[in-house]
């Protein structure tokens, strides 16, 4: 069994347009999906990320508020899951609520040091 990281990209613009009731419903979708992953023994950890951040470069001498955003979408959260292989990691991601908001899940295997 390997660990995979899901990086959640996009969906922010549509999510920020939700009213309180719609937002609560969307968060319930996330809760249900994460509970399902947990019941399967796949979920290790996952959290949303703040919209603000910094990029540090040049050995710490340069600090920028401009976050790198591939294709104009920044990372809004992450999750770490257990899966037998990439195919299973992809299959587990299929129910992710970010897809309902035009977002995507980048899946990366976590390699041992």
N, C-alpha and C. Protein backbone atom coordinates (compact mmCIF):
# COMPACT_ATOMS: atom_id res chain seq x y z
N UNK A 1 0.86 -1.17 0.00
CA UNK A 1 0.00 0.00 0.00
C UNK A 1 0.90 1.23 0.00
N UNK A 2 0.52 2.22 -0.80
CA UNK A 2 1.26 3.48 -0.91
C UNK A 2 0.39 4.64 -0.44
N UNK A 3 1.04 5.75 -0.18
CA UNK A 3 0.32 6.97 0.17
C UNK A 3 0.32 7.90 -1.04
N UNK A 4 -0.80 8.55 -1.25
CA UNK A 4 -0.97 9.50 -2.35
C UNK A 4 -1.49 10.81 -1.80
N UNK A 5 -1.01 11.90 -2.41
CA UNK A 5 -1.50 13.22 -2.03
C UNK A 5 -2.46 13.71 -3.10
N UNK A 6 -3.59 14.18 -2.66
CA UNK A 6 -4.52 14.87 -3.54
C UNK A 6 -4.32 16.36 -3.31
N UNK A 7 -4.07 17.08 -4.38
CA UNK A 7 -4.01 18.54 -4.32
C UNK A 7 -5.26 19.06 -5.03
N UNK A 8 -6.06 19.80 -4.31
CA UNK A 8 -7.33 20.29 -4.85
C UNK A 8 -7.11 21.65 -5.48
N UNK A 9 -7.38 21.73 -6.77
CA UNK A 9 -7.17 22.96 -7.54
C UNK A 9 -8.49 23.45 -8.12
N UNK A 10 -8.67 24.76 -8.10
CA UNK A 10 -9.84 25.35 -8.72
C UNK A 10 -11.09 25.22 -7.87
N UNK A 11 -12.18 25.63 -8.43
CA UNK A 11 -13.45 25.58 -7.72
C UNK A 11 -13.67 26.79 -6.82
N UNK A 12 -12.60 27.55 -6.56
CA UNK A 12 -12.71 28.68 -5.63
C UNK A 12 -13.73 29.71 -6.09
N UNK A 13 -13.68 30.09 -7.36
CA UNK A 13 -14.58 31.15 -7.85
C UNK A 13 -16.03 30.74 -7.66
N UNK A 14 -16.36 29.51 -7.98
CA UNK A 14 -17.76 29.06 -7.84
C UNK A 14 -18.14 28.89 -6.38
N UNK A 15 -17.21 28.43 -5.56
CA UNK A 15 -17.50 28.22 -4.13
C UNK A 15 -17.76 29.55 -3.43
N UNK A 16 -17.02 30.60 -3.81
CA UNK A 16 -17.19 31.90 -3.16
C UNK A 16 -18.50 32.58 -3.55
N UNK A 17 -19.19 32.07 -4.56
CA UNK A 17 -20.47 32.62 -4.98
C UNK A 17 -21.65 31.99 -4.23
N UNK A 18 -21.37 30.98 -3.41
CA UNK A 18 -22.44 30.27 -2.72
C UNK A 18 -22.99 31.09 -1.55
N UNK A 19 -24.30 30.99 -1.33
CA UNK A 19 -24.86 31.59 -0.13
C UNK A 19 -24.61 30.63 1.04
N UNK A 20 -25.00 31.03 2.24
CA UNK A 20 -24.71 30.23 3.43
C UNK A 20 -25.29 28.82 3.35
N UNK A 21 -26.53 28.70 2.87
CA UNK A 21 -27.17 27.40 2.78
C UNK A 21 -26.48 26.52 1.74
N UNK A 22 -26.14 27.09 0.60
CA UNK A 22 -25.44 26.33 -0.44
C UNK A 22 -24.05 25.91 0.03
N UNK A 23 -23.37 26.79 0.75
CA UNK A 23 -22.05 26.47 1.28
C UNK A 23 -22.13 25.33 2.29
N UNK A 24 -23.13 25.37 3.16
CA UNK A 24 -23.32 24.30 4.14
C UNK A 24 -23.58 22.97 3.44
N UNK A 25 -24.37 22.99 2.39
CA UNK A 25 -24.66 21.79 1.61
C UNK A 25 -23.39 21.26 0.95
N UNK A 26 -22.58 22.16 0.40
CA UNK A 26 -21.32 21.77 -0.25
C UNK A 26 -20.36 21.16 0.78
N UNK A 27 -20.28 21.77 1.95
CA UNK A 27 -19.41 21.23 3.01
C UNK A 27 -19.90 19.86 3.47
N UNK A 28 -21.20 19.65 3.45
CA UNK A 28 -21.77 18.34 3.82
C UNK A 28 -21.33 17.29 2.80
N UNK A 29 -21.27 17.66 1.51
CA UNK A 29 -20.77 16.74 0.48
C UNK A 29 -19.34 16.32 0.79
N UNK A 30 -18.51 17.29 1.17
CA UNK A 30 -17.11 16.98 1.53
C UNK A 30 -17.07 16.04 2.73
N UNK A 31 -17.89 16.33 3.74
CA UNK A 31 -17.92 15.49 4.94
C UNK A 31 -18.31 14.06 4.60
N UNK A 32 -19.34 13.89 3.79
CA UNK A 32 -19.79 12.55 3.40
C UNK A 32 -18.72 11.80 2.61
N UNK A 33 -18.08 12.50 1.67
CA UNK A 33 -17.05 11.86 0.85
C UNK A 33 -15.85 11.47 1.72
N UNK A 34 -15.42 12.37 2.60
CA UNK A 34 -14.28 12.07 3.46
C UNK A 34 -14.61 10.95 4.45
N UNK A 35 -15.85 10.90 4.95
CA UNK A 35 -16.26 9.80 5.82
C UNK A 35 -16.22 8.47 5.09
N UNK A 36 -16.64 8.47 3.82
CA UNK A 36 -16.59 7.25 3.01
C UNK A 36 -15.14 6.78 2.86
N UNK A 37 -14.24 7.70 2.58
CA UNK A 37 -12.82 7.34 2.45
C UNK A 37 -12.28 6.81 3.78
N UNK A 38 -12.69 7.42 4.86
CA UNK A 38 -12.26 6.98 6.19
C UNK A 38 -12.75 5.58 6.49
N UNK A 39 -14.02 5.30 6.18
CA UNK A 39 -14.59 3.97 6.41
C UNK A 39 -13.87 2.90 5.61
N UNK A 40 -13.34 3.26 4.44
CA UNK A 40 -12.57 2.31 3.61
C UNK A 40 -11.13 2.17 4.08
N UNK A 41 -10.74 2.96 5.10
CA UNK A 41 -9.37 2.93 5.58
C UNK A 41 -8.40 3.66 4.68
N UNK A 42 -8.92 4.51 3.79
CA UNK A 42 -8.07 5.21 2.83
C UNK A 42 -7.62 6.58 3.31
N UNK A 43 -8.47 7.27 4.05
CA UNK A 43 -8.16 8.64 4.44
C UNK A 43 -7.14 8.68 5.57
N UNK A 44 -6.07 9.42 5.34
CA UNK A 44 -5.07 9.64 6.39
C UNK A 44 -5.27 11.02 6.99
N UNK A 45 -5.34 12.03 6.12
CA UNK A 45 -5.47 13.40 6.58
C UNK A 45 -5.93 14.28 5.42
N UNK A 46 -6.57 15.38 5.73
CA UNK A 46 -6.94 16.34 4.70
C UNK A 46 -7.43 17.63 5.32
N UNK A 47 -7.08 18.74 4.68
CA UNK A 47 -7.45 20.04 5.21
C UNK A 47 -7.55 21.06 4.08
N UNK A 48 -8.41 22.08 4.25
CA UNK A 48 -8.40 23.19 3.30
C UNK A 48 -7.21 24.09 3.62
N UNK A 49 -6.82 24.92 2.66
CA UNK A 49 -5.73 25.85 2.85
C UNK A 49 -6.25 27.28 2.78
N UNK A 50 -5.59 28.17 3.49
CA UNK A 50 -5.90 29.58 3.43
C UNK A 50 -5.66 30.08 2.01
N UNK A 51 -6.40 31.09 1.60
CA UNK A 51 -6.20 31.67 0.26
C UNK A 51 -4.94 32.52 0.21
N UNK A 52 -4.44 32.93 1.37
CA UNK A 52 -3.23 33.74 1.42
C UNK A 52 -2.02 32.85 1.66
N UNK A 53 -0.89 33.24 1.09
CA UNK A 53 0.33 32.48 1.29
C UNK A 53 1.53 33.27 0.80
N UNK A 54 2.67 32.66 0.86
CA UNK A 54 3.91 33.27 0.42
C UNK A 54 4.73 32.24 -0.35
N UNK A 55 5.48 32.72 -1.33
CA UNK A 55 6.47 31.89 -2.02
C UNK A 55 7.85 32.40 -1.62
N UNK A 56 8.68 31.52 -1.13
CA UNK A 56 10.01 31.87 -0.67
C UNK A 56 11.02 31.28 -1.65
N UNK A 57 11.98 32.10 -2.08
CA UNK A 57 13.00 31.62 -3.02
C UNK A 57 14.34 32.26 -2.70
N UNK A 58 15.32 31.91 -3.48
CA UNK A 58 16.66 32.46 -3.35
C UNK A 58 17.17 32.36 -1.91
N UNK A 59 17.09 31.13 -1.38
CA UNK A 59 17.56 30.83 -0.01
C UNK A 59 16.89 31.70 1.04
N UNK A 60 15.66 32.07 0.79
CA UNK A 60 14.90 32.83 1.76
C UNK A 60 15.02 34.34 1.63
N UNK A 61 15.82 34.80 0.67
CA UNK A 61 16.00 36.25 0.54
C UNK A 61 14.86 36.91 -0.24
N UNK A 62 14.08 36.12 -0.95
CA UNK A 62 12.95 36.67 -1.69
C UNK A 62 11.66 36.04 -1.17
N UNK A 63 10.74 36.88 -0.80
CA UNK A 63 9.44 36.41 -0.32
C UNK A 63 8.38 37.14 -1.13
N UNK A 64 7.50 36.38 -1.75
CA UNK A 64 6.47 36.94 -2.62
C UNK A 64 5.10 36.53 -2.14
N UNK A 65 4.13 37.42 -2.29
CA UNK A 65 2.74 37.08 -2.00
C UNK A 65 2.07 36.42 -3.19
N UNK A 66 2.78 36.40 -4.33
CA UNK A 66 2.24 35.79 -5.54
C UNK A 66 2.42 34.28 -5.47
N UNK A 67 1.32 33.58 -5.28
CA UNK A 67 1.37 32.12 -5.26
C UNK A 67 1.39 31.61 -6.69
N UNK A 68 2.21 30.61 -6.93
CA UNK A 68 2.26 30.02 -8.27
C UNK A 68 0.96 29.27 -8.49
N UNK A 69 0.33 29.54 -9.59
CA UNK A 69 -0.95 28.90 -9.90
C UNK A 69 -0.90 28.36 -11.32
N UNK A 70 -0.80 27.05 -11.41
CA UNK A 70 -0.77 26.40 -12.72
C UNK A 70 -2.12 26.55 -13.39
N UNK A 71 -2.12 27.10 -14.59
CA UNK A 71 -3.38 27.27 -15.32
C UNK A 71 -4.31 28.27 -14.65
N UNK A 72 -3.78 29.13 -13.78
CA UNK A 72 -4.60 30.14 -13.13
C UNK A 72 -5.37 29.63 -11.92
N UNK A 73 -5.13 28.41 -11.49
CA UNK A 73 -5.81 27.88 -10.31
C UNK A 73 -4.78 27.52 -9.25
N UNK A 74 -5.02 27.96 -8.05
CA UNK A 74 -4.10 27.65 -6.96
C UNK A 74 -4.60 26.44 -6.18
N UNK A 75 -3.73 25.91 -5.35
CA UNK A 75 -4.07 24.78 -4.51
C UNK A 75 -4.91 25.29 -3.35
N UNK A 76 -6.11 24.73 -3.19
CA UNK A 76 -7.02 25.18 -2.14
C UNK A 76 -7.10 24.23 -0.96
N UNK A 77 -6.49 23.06 -1.10
CA UNK A 77 -6.51 22.08 -0.01
C UNK A 77 -5.75 20.85 -0.42
N UNK A 78 -5.62 19.93 0.53
CA UNK A 78 -4.89 18.69 0.26
C UNK A 78 -5.51 17.54 1.04
N UNK A 79 -5.17 16.36 0.62
CA UNK A 79 -5.59 15.16 1.33
C UNK A 79 -4.52 14.09 1.09
N UNK A 80 -4.30 13.26 2.07
CA UNK A 80 -3.39 12.13 1.93
C UNK A 80 -4.22 10.87 2.11
N UNK A 81 -4.10 9.95 1.15
CA UNK A 81 -4.87 8.70 1.19
C UNK A 81 -3.95 7.50 1.00
N UNK A 82 -4.42 6.38 1.48
CA UNK A 82 -3.78 5.09 1.21
C UNK A 82 -4.44 4.48 -0.01
N UNK A 83 -3.64 3.92 -0.90
CA UNK A 83 -4.18 3.21 -2.06
C UNK A 83 -3.14 2.19 -2.51
N UNK A 84 -3.61 1.12 -3.15
CA UNK A 84 -2.71 0.08 -3.63
C UNK A 84 -1.86 0.54 -4.80
N UNK A 85 -2.42 1.46 -5.63
CA UNK A 85 -1.72 1.93 -6.82
C UNK A 85 -2.41 3.19 -7.33
N UNK A 86 -1.84 3.78 -8.40
CA UNK A 86 -2.43 5.01 -8.95
C UNK A 86 -3.88 4.79 -9.38
N UNK A 87 -4.15 3.65 -9.99
CA UNK A 87 -5.52 3.40 -10.46
C UNK A 87 -6.52 3.46 -9.31
N UNK A 88 -6.16 2.88 -8.17
CA UNK A 88 -7.05 2.92 -7.02
C UNK A 88 -7.14 4.35 -6.47
N UNK A 89 -6.03 5.07 -6.46
CA UNK A 89 -6.04 6.46 -6.00
C UNK A 89 -6.97 7.31 -6.87
N UNK A 90 -6.93 7.08 -8.18
CA UNK A 90 -7.83 7.78 -9.10
C UNK A 90 -9.28 7.39 -8.81
N UNK A 91 -9.53 6.13 -8.63
CA UNK A 91 -10.89 5.64 -8.37
C UNK A 91 -11.45 6.26 -7.09
N UNK A 92 -10.62 6.34 -6.04
CA UNK A 92 -11.07 6.93 -4.78
C UNK A 92 -11.40 8.42 -4.93
N UNK A 93 -10.75 9.09 -5.86
CA UNK A 93 -10.97 10.53 -6.05
C UNK A 93 -12.27 10.83 -6.79
N UNK A 94 -12.86 9.85 -7.43
CA UNK A 94 -13.99 10.10 -8.33
C UNK A 94 -15.19 10.78 -7.68
N UNK A 95 -15.41 10.59 -6.40
CA UNK A 95 -16.56 11.21 -5.74
C UNK A 95 -16.27 12.57 -5.14
N UNK A 96 -15.12 13.13 -5.43
CA UNK A 96 -14.72 14.40 -4.80
C UNK A 96 -15.67 15.53 -5.17
N UNK A 97 -16.16 16.26 -4.16
CA UNK A 97 -17.09 17.37 -4.42
C UNK A 97 -16.48 18.52 -5.23
N UNK A 98 -15.17 18.62 -5.33
CA UNK A 98 -14.58 19.72 -6.09
C UNK A 98 -14.98 19.65 -7.57
N UNK A 99 -15.29 18.44 -8.04
CA UNK A 99 -15.70 18.29 -9.43
C UNK A 99 -17.02 19.00 -9.71
N UNK A 100 -17.86 19.16 -8.68
CA UNK A 100 -19.14 19.86 -8.84
C UNK A 100 -18.94 21.37 -8.99
N UNK A 101 -17.73 21.84 -8.72
CA UNK A 101 -17.43 23.28 -8.79
C UNK A 101 -16.35 23.55 -9.83
N UNK A 102 -16.24 22.68 -10.82
CA UNK A 102 -15.28 22.83 -11.92
C UNK A 102 -13.83 22.80 -11.47
N UNK A 103 -13.56 22.15 -10.35
CA UNK A 103 -12.18 22.01 -9.88
C UNK A 103 -11.60 20.67 -10.31
N UNK A 104 -10.36 20.44 -9.92
CA UNK A 104 -9.70 19.19 -10.26
C UNK A 104 -8.86 18.70 -9.10
N UNK A 105 -8.52 17.42 -9.16
CA UNK A 105 -7.68 16.79 -8.15
C UNK A 105 -6.39 16.35 -8.83
N UNK A 106 -5.29 16.91 -8.37
CA UNK A 106 -3.97 16.46 -8.83
C UNK A 106 -3.55 15.36 -7.87
N UNK A 107 -3.16 14.21 -8.40
CA UNK A 107 -2.79 13.06 -7.57
C UNK A 107 -1.31 12.80 -7.73
N UNK A 108 -0.60 12.74 -6.60
CA UNK A 108 0.83 12.49 -6.61
C UNK A 108 1.15 11.42 -5.59
N UNK A 109 1.96 10.44 -5.97
CA UNK A 109 2.41 9.44 -5.02
C UNK A 109 3.43 10.06 -4.09
N UNK A 110 3.32 9.75 -2.81
CA UNK A 110 4.29 10.23 -1.83
C UNK A 110 5.40 9.19 -1.75
N UNK A 111 6.58 9.59 -2.13
CA UNK A 111 7.72 8.68 -2.19
C UNK A 111 8.46 8.69 -0.85
N UNK A 112 8.99 7.56 -0.44
CA UNK A 112 9.79 7.54 0.80
C UNK A 112 11.12 8.27 0.60
N UNK A 113 11.64 8.82 1.66
CA UNK A 113 12.93 9.52 1.59
C UNK A 113 14.06 8.49 1.53
